[in-house]
Amino acid sequence: MRGFARRRLATLACLGLLLVLALLAGRGSAAATGAGGPAPLPGVTPREVTIRVAMAVDNVYRFSSREKTFSVEGTLRLSAPAAVLGPWLAAGVDPITLVRFQNLVEPWDSLLEASSGPLRLGADLGRDYRFNGNFYSDEIDYRGYPFGTLPLQIRLVADPSFPATVAEPPRIRLEPDRAGSGVSRRSNMNGYRLRSWRLFPSQGGVEMELLYDPIGWAALVKWLLPLTITMVVMLLTPNLRAGFSSERLAIPPVILLTLVFMQQAYRDSLPSLPYLTVLDGLYAFSYLVTLVFFCEFIWCANRLDRLTSEGAGPLHPRLERRIERLELGLQLASLAGYGMLLLWALGQR
C-alpha cells in the first residue's frame, strides 16, 4: 500500500515538472514571437535624418487672381546620406513618401512621379521626380492691385510614411539645396514678369517663393485707361458754358453708371477682400468727384433759372464768371486729389 502511494506521488511530481517546463517554453515562444514584430530599418539609422531638397520650376501658368491659385510644372530632387538612403531604397522606402506639398490643391489631379533611378551625388544618394499640380498662395495681398507685387509659394514639408513594420522611424528634417534649384524663363505669366525667386527653410519644411511684378503697360491699358478716359470727360464737362444746363446735367449720371459697371467688372476678377485696393480708392474718389460736380451743376442751373424768372438778365454774365471760377477750383482740387492717390498707390507697392 505504501509502495503504491509512493509511486502515485512520484507520478504527480513528474506531471507537475512537465507542466512547469511547458509553461516556460510557452513564454519563451511568445517572447520570440513578439521580437519578430516591427523590424528596424536595415543598417544603422540615426534618430534624425536630413533630406536635401532641390526644386527646379519649368513653367508657371493658369494663375487665378480670384481663387489665388496657380499651376506649376517642375522637377524635385531629394537626396540624403548614402549610408541612410541606400538601405531605405533596398527596403522599398521611396524618399518621396517622406514629404508632401503642403499647399497643393486637388492632389488627385496632380502628377508626382520618379523621373530617374538612384543618383550618386558625392557622399549622398538622390532621386529626381517630376511634379505638376495646382497650388494655393495665401500670401497674396491685393492692396496695391493692379500694381502690387505678386508672391507665389510652393511649400514642401516632412510627412514620413514609413512602413508599419519599421520600428522607431527617424525624424525627417528638410534642408534647401539652392545650388541645385532654379526657375526657367518660361515661368513668366500673362500680365506678370518674374522679378526674383528664393528657396529657404520654413516652418516644418522648405519653401520656394516666386515674386512677380505686373507689366505696367498691360495693367494700365486694362484697368486704368478706361477709368482715366471716363473721368477726363467728367472733368471737361464744366468747360461747357453754364447756360447749357440740360447738357451739363445729363453727363454725370452717365458717368456714374459707367463707373459702377467698370468697377463691378474689375471686382469680379478678385476675391472678397476686407480692405480697399488702389483701384478701389481711385473708383471711390471718382464717385465723389462726379457727385460734387453733379450737385454743383444743379445749383448753377437753379441760380440761372431764378435770375431768368426774376428778370435779372444783366446779372447773368457776372454769375457765369463766379461759376467758372468755382468750377475751375473744383477741377484743380480733383486733379490734386488724384495726384495724392497716385502717391499713395506708389507707397502700396
Foldseek 3Di string as FASTA:
>chain_A
DVVVVVVVVVVVVVVVVVVVVVVVVVVVVVVVVVVPFFDAQPADDDQEWEKEKAWAWEAKEDQFQAQQKIKTKTKIKIKTFCRPVVSCVVVVNDVVQFKDWPFFDPPVPKAWAWPDDWDDDPRMIMTMIIIIGMGHDPPADQQLPPFDKGKDKTWMATDHDDDPSHPSDHHYAYFYDHVRYYYDLNHAYVQKHWDDWDWGADVRYIMIMTIIGGDVVVRCVPQVPVVVVLVVVLLCLLVPFLVPLVVSLVNLVVSVVVLVVSVVVVCVSHYDDPDHHLSNVSSVLSNVLSVVSNVLSVVSVVVVVVCVVVVVVVCVVVSRVVSSVVSVVSSVVSVVVVVVSVVVSVVND
